[in-house]
Amino acid sequence: MWAKVSFLRHCSNGSLKVKSRIVDFLGQEKYLSNSVNQIIGLLKDRQAEYIDFYQYGLNELALEKAFFRNKNQNEGLIVPNYFEPFENRNIEINYNV
């Protein structure tokens, strides 16, 4: 039985540091917190400033254990969505479930 599969996209814009986005996660929530060392390794290897993860339906505690934070609960935090061209602002992503 497989534990988890994650797909990443890496972006940068000239002098800005790289950011990585988890674009898909397949697996059990408990494996998110077990992935912290791999996530930190990715940050170091790519010299990325951060990794973001837009998601729906995952347990908030499981995300916190993996050191992900909700941008809506951190006043002043900007997690850009557009890098080509870069826009230094939060963008709400519309989706259907």
N, C-alpha and C. Protein backbone atom coordinates (compact mmCIF):
# COMPACT_ATOMS: atom_id res chain seq x y z
N MET A 1 0.84 -1.19 0.00
CA MET A 1 0.00 0.00 0.00
C MET A 1 0.88 1.24 0.00
N TRP A 2 0.55 2.20 -0.83
CA TRP A 2 1.34 3.42 -0.91
C TRP A 2 0.96 4.37 0.22
N ALA A 3 1.90 5.18 0.63
CA ALA A 3 1.69 6.10 1.73
C ALA A 3 1.27 7.48 1.24
N LYS A 4 2.04 8.01 0.29
CA LYS A 4 1.72 9.35 -0.19
C LYS A 4 2.42 9.60 -1.51
N VAL A 5 1.84 10.49 -2.27
CA VAL A 5 2.46 10.97 -3.50
C VAL A 5 2.22 12.47 -3.54
N SER A 6 3.26 13.23 -3.78
CA SER A 6 3.13 14.69 -3.88
C SER A 6 3.72 15.14 -5.20
N PHE A 7 3.11 16.15 -5.80
CA PHE A 7 3.61 16.74 -7.03
C PHE A 7 3.91 18.20 -6.75
N LEU A 8 5.08 18.65 -7.18
CA LEU A 8 5.52 20.01 -6.90
C LEU A 8 5.74 20.80 -8.17
N ARG A 9 5.58 22.10 -8.06
CA ARG A 9 5.92 23.03 -9.12
C ARG A 9 6.84 24.07 -8.51
N HIS A 10 7.95 24.38 -9.18
CA HIS A 10 8.90 25.37 -8.69
C HIS A 10 8.82 26.61 -9.58
N CYS A 11 8.81 27.80 -8.96
CA CYS A 11 8.72 29.06 -9.70
C CYS A 11 9.74 30.03 -9.16
N SER A 12 10.21 30.91 -10.02
CA SER A 12 11.04 32.02 -9.59
C SER A 12 10.82 33.16 -10.56
N ASN A 13 11.26 34.34 -10.16
CA ASN A 13 11.10 35.51 -11.01
C ASN A 13 12.33 36.38 -10.87
N GLY A 14 13.31 36.14 -11.72
CA GLY A 14 14.51 36.96 -11.70
C GLY A 14 15.25 36.86 -10.38
N SER A 15 15.33 37.98 -9.67
CA SER A 15 16.10 38.02 -8.42
C SER A 15 15.35 37.45 -7.23
N LEU A 16 14.05 37.17 -7.40
CA LEU A 16 13.28 36.62 -6.29
C LEU A 16 13.68 35.19 -6.04
N LYS A 17 13.59 34.79 -4.81
CA LYS A 17 13.88 33.41 -4.47
C LYS A 17 12.81 32.49 -5.04
N VAL A 18 13.18 31.25 -5.14
CA VAL A 18 12.26 30.23 -5.65
C VAL A 18 11.18 29.97 -4.62
N LYS A 19 10.01 29.68 -5.11
CA LYS A 19 8.96 29.17 -4.24
C LYS A 19 8.50 27.86 -4.85
N SER A 20 8.08 26.97 -4.02
CA SER A 20 7.58 25.68 -4.49
C SER A 20 6.13 25.54 -4.05
N ARG A 21 5.35 24.88 -4.88
CA ARG A 21 3.94 24.65 -4.55
C ARG A 21 3.65 23.16 -4.67
N ILE A 22 3.04 22.63 -3.64
CA ILE A 22 2.52 21.27 -3.74
C ILE A 22 1.22 21.40 -4.51
N VAL A 23 1.19 20.82 -5.70
CA VAL A 23 0.01 20.96 -6.55
C VAL A 23 -0.95 19.79 -6.41
N ASP A 24 -0.47 18.72 -5.80
CA ASP A 24 -1.36 17.58 -5.58
C ASP A 24 -0.78 16.72 -4.48
N PHE A 25 -1.64 16.19 -3.64
CA PHE A 25 -1.24 15.30 -2.56
C PHE A 25 -2.22 14.14 -2.54
N LEU A 26 -1.70 12.95 -2.66
CA LEU A 26 -2.53 11.75 -2.58
C LEU A 26 -1.99 10.91 -1.43
N GLY A 27 -2.82 10.64 -0.45
CA GLY A 27 -2.36 9.84 0.67
C GLY A 27 -3.12 10.17 1.94
N GLN A 28 -2.69 9.57 3.02
CA GLN A 28 -3.32 9.79 4.31
C GLN A 28 -2.70 11.01 4.98
N GLU A 29 -3.54 11.78 5.67
CA GLU A 29 -3.10 13.01 6.32
C GLU A 29 -1.92 12.79 7.27
N LYS A 30 -1.90 11.65 7.94
CA LYS A 30 -0.86 11.41 8.93
C LYS A 30 0.53 11.43 8.31
N TYR A 31 0.63 11.20 6.99
CA TYR A 31 1.93 11.19 6.35
C TYR A 31 2.47 12.58 6.05
N LEU A 32 1.62 13.60 6.17
CA LEU A 32 2.11 14.96 5.99
C LEU A 32 3.17 15.31 7.04
N SER A 33 2.87 15.04 8.30
CA SER A 33 3.83 15.38 9.35
C SER A 33 5.09 14.53 9.26
N ASN A 34 4.98 13.33 8.68
CA ASN A 34 6.16 12.49 8.49
C ASN A 34 7.03 12.99 7.34
N SER A 35 6.53 13.95 6.58
CA SER A 35 7.25 14.46 5.42
C SER A 35 8.04 15.73 5.71
N VAL A 36 8.07 16.17 6.95
CA VAL A 36 8.72 17.44 7.29
C VAL A 36 10.18 17.45 6.85
N ASN A 37 10.93 16.39 7.10
CA ASN A 37 12.34 16.37 6.72
C ASN A 37 12.50 16.47 5.21
N GLN A 38 11.64 15.81 4.46
CA GLN A 38 11.70 15.89 2.99
C GLN A 38 11.36 17.31 2.51
N ILE A 39 10.38 17.93 3.16
CA ILE A 39 9.99 19.30 2.79
C ILE A 39 11.14 20.26 3.07
N ILE A 40 11.77 20.14 4.23
CA ILE A 40 12.92 20.99 4.56
C ILE A 40 14.06 20.74 3.58
N GLY A 41 14.28 19.47 3.22
CA GLY A 41 15.30 19.14 2.23
C GLY A 41 15.04 19.80 0.89
N LEU A 42 13.77 19.81 0.46
CA LEU A 42 13.41 20.49 -0.79
C LEU A 42 13.69 21.98 -0.72
N LEU A 43 13.35 22.59 0.40
CA LEU A 43 13.62 24.02 0.57
C LEU A 43 15.11 24.31 0.43
N LYS A 44 15.93 23.49 1.07
CA LYS A 44 17.38 23.69 1.01
C LYS A 44 17.93 23.41 -0.39
N ASP A 45 17.53 22.29 -0.98
CA ASP A 45 18.03 21.91 -2.30
C ASP A 45 17.70 22.95 -3.37
N ARG A 46 16.50 23.47 -3.33
CA ARG A 46 16.04 24.44 -4.32
C ARG A 46 16.34 25.88 -3.91
N GLN A 47 16.89 26.05 -2.71
CA GLN A 47 17.10 27.38 -2.14
C GLN A 47 15.79 28.18 -2.21
N ALA A 48 14.72 27.49 -1.87
CA ALA A 48 13.38 28.09 -1.94
C ALA A 48 13.09 28.87 -0.67
N GLU A 49 12.36 29.94 -0.84
CA GLU A 49 11.95 30.75 0.30
C GLU A 49 10.84 30.06 1.09
N TYR A 50 9.96 29.38 0.38
CA TYR A 50 8.86 28.69 1.05
C TYR A 50 8.23 27.67 0.12
N ILE A 51 7.40 26.82 0.70
CA ILE A 51 6.56 25.89 -0.06
C ILE A 51 5.13 26.18 0.35
N ASP A 52 4.27 26.37 -0.64
CA ASP A 52 2.86 26.57 -0.30
C ASP A 52 2.03 25.38 -0.78
N PHE A 53 0.81 25.35 -0.28
CA PHE A 53 -0.03 24.17 -0.48
C PHE A 53 -1.48 24.61 -0.36
N TYR A 54 -2.15 24.79 -1.48
CA TYR A 54 -3.58 25.08 -1.45
C TYR A 54 -4.29 23.74 -1.36
N GLN A 55 -5.22 23.63 -0.41
CA GLN A 55 -5.87 22.35 -0.20
C GLN A 55 -7.30 22.57 0.26
N TYR A 56 -8.07 21.51 0.19
CA TYR A 56 -9.43 21.53 0.70
C TYR A 56 -9.69 20.20 1.39
N GLY A 57 -10.17 20.25 2.62
CA GLY A 57 -10.65 19.06 3.29
C GLY A 57 -9.65 18.33 4.16
N LEU A 58 -8.39 18.76 4.17
CA LEU A 58 -7.43 18.10 5.05
C LEU A 58 -7.57 18.65 6.46
N ASN A 59 -7.26 17.82 7.43
CA ASN A 59 -7.34 18.19 8.83
C ASN A 59 -6.33 19.29 9.14
N GLU A 60 -6.80 20.37 9.77
CA GLU A 60 -5.93 21.51 10.07
C GLU A 60 -4.77 21.13 10.99
N LEU A 61 -5.02 20.24 11.94
CA LEU A 61 -3.96 19.80 12.85
C LEU A 61 -2.86 19.04 12.09
N ALA A 62 -3.25 18.21 11.13
CA ALA A 62 -2.27 17.48 10.32
C ALA A 62 -1.40 18.46 9.53
N LEU A 63 -1.99 19.52 9.01
CA LEU A 63 -1.23 20.53 8.28
C LEU A 63 -0.29 21.29 9.22
N GLU A 64 -0.75 21.62 10.41
CA GLU A 64 0.09 22.32 11.38
C GLU A 64 1.27 21.47 11.81
N LYS A 65 1.06 20.16 11.97
CA LYS A 65 2.15 19.26 12.34
C LYS A 65 3.22 19.20 11.26
N ALA A 66 2.82 19.47 10.01
CA ALA A 66 3.76 19.50 8.89
C ALA A 66 4.31 20.92 8.68
N PHE A 67 4.01 21.83 9.61
CA PHE A 67 4.49 23.21 9.62
C PHE A 67 3.87 24.08 8.53
N PHE A 68 2.71 23.70 8.02
CA PHE A 68 1.97 24.57 7.12
C PHE A 68 1.09 25.48 7.96
N ARG A 69 0.96 26.74 7.53
CA ARG A 69 0.15 27.71 8.24
C ARG A 69 -0.90 28.27 7.29
N ASN A 70 -2.06 28.59 7.84
CA ASN A 70 -3.14 29.18 7.06
C ASN A 70 -2.86 30.66 6.87
N LYS A 71 -2.71 31.08 5.62
CA LYS A 71 -2.39 32.49 5.34
C LYS A 71 -3.49 33.43 5.84
N ASN A 72 -4.71 32.94 5.90
CA ASN A 72 -5.82 33.78 6.37
C ASN A 72 -5.79 33.99 7.87
N GLN A 73 -5.01 33.21 8.59
CA GLN A 73 -4.90 33.35 10.04
C GLN A 73 -3.60 34.05 10.44
N ASN A 74 -2.87 34.59 9.47
CA ASN A 74 -1.61 35.27 9.74
C ASN A 74 -1.66 36.64 9.06
N GLU A 75 -2.11 37.64 9.84
CA GLU A 75 -2.29 38.97 9.30
C GLU A 75 -0.99 39.50 8.68
N GLY A 76 -1.11 40.04 7.50
CA GLY A 76 0.04 40.63 6.82
C GLY A 76 0.86 39.64 6.01
N LEU A 77 0.57 38.35 6.11
CA LEU A 77 1.31 37.35 5.36
C LEU A 77 0.85 37.36 3.90
N ILE A 78 1.79 37.48 3.00
CA ILE A 78 1.48 37.44 1.57
C ILE A 78 2.08 36.18 0.99
N VAL A 79 1.22 35.39 0.34
CA VAL A 79 1.63 34.19 -0.37
C VAL A 79 1.25 34.41 -1.83
N PRO A 80 2.19 34.92 -2.63
CA PRO A 80 1.86 35.24 -4.02
C PRO A 80 1.43 34.01 -4.80
N ASN A 81 0.53 34.22 -5.73
CA ASN A 81 0.08 33.14 -6.60
C ASN A 81 0.66 33.30 -8.00
N TYR A 82 0.83 34.54 -8.43
CA TYR A 82 1.31 34.81 -9.78
C TYR A 82 2.80 35.17 -9.75
N PHE A 83 3.58 34.42 -10.50
CA PHE A 83 5.01 34.68 -10.60
C PHE A 83 5.42 35.03 -12.02
N GLU A 84 4.54 34.87 -12.96
CA GLU A 84 4.87 35.10 -14.37
C GLU A 84 3.76 35.89 -15.03
N PRO A 85 3.65 37.20 -14.85
CA PRO A 85 4.54 38.10 -14.11
C PRO A 85 4.22 38.08 -12.62
N PHE A 86 5.17 38.51 -11.82
CA PHE A 86 5.05 38.48 -10.37
C PHE A 86 4.06 39.53 -9.88
N GLU A 87 3.19 39.13 -8.95
CA GLU A 87 2.27 40.04 -8.25
C GLU A 87 2.40 39.79 -6.77
N ASN A 88 2.85 40.78 -6.02
CA ASN A 88 3.08 40.65 -4.58
C ASN A 88 1.78 40.90 -3.81
N ARG A 89 0.86 39.96 -3.95
CA ARG A 89 -0.42 40.06 -3.24
C ARG A 89 -1.04 38.67 -3.15
N ASN A 90 -1.94 38.53 -2.19
CA ASN A 90 -2.68 37.28 -2.05
C ASN A 90 -3.80 37.25 -3.09
N ILE A 91 -4.00 36.08 -3.65
CA ILE A 91 -5.05 35.85 -4.64
C ILE A 91 -5.93 34.71 -4.10
N GLU A 92 -7.21 34.91 -4.09
CA GLU A 92 -8.11 33.82 -3.73
C GLU A 92 -8.30 32.94 -4.96
N ILE A 93 -8.17 31.65 -4.77
CA ILE A 93 -8.31 30.70 -5.86
C ILE A 93 -9.71 30.09 -5.79
N ASN A 94 -10.45 30.23 -6.85
CA ASN A 94 -11.78 29.63 -6.92
C ASN A 94 -11.66 28.18 -7.36
N TYR A 95 -12.43 27.33 -6.75
CA TYR A 95 -12.39 25.91 -7.10
C TYR A 95 -13.75 25.30 -6.84
N ASN A 96 -13.96 24.11 -7.36
CA ASN A 96 -15.21 23.37 -7.21
C ASN A 96 -14.91 22.04 -6.55
N VAL A 97 -15.77 21.60 -5.65
CA VAL A 97 -15.59 20.31 -4.99
C VAL A 97 -16.69 19.39 -5.41
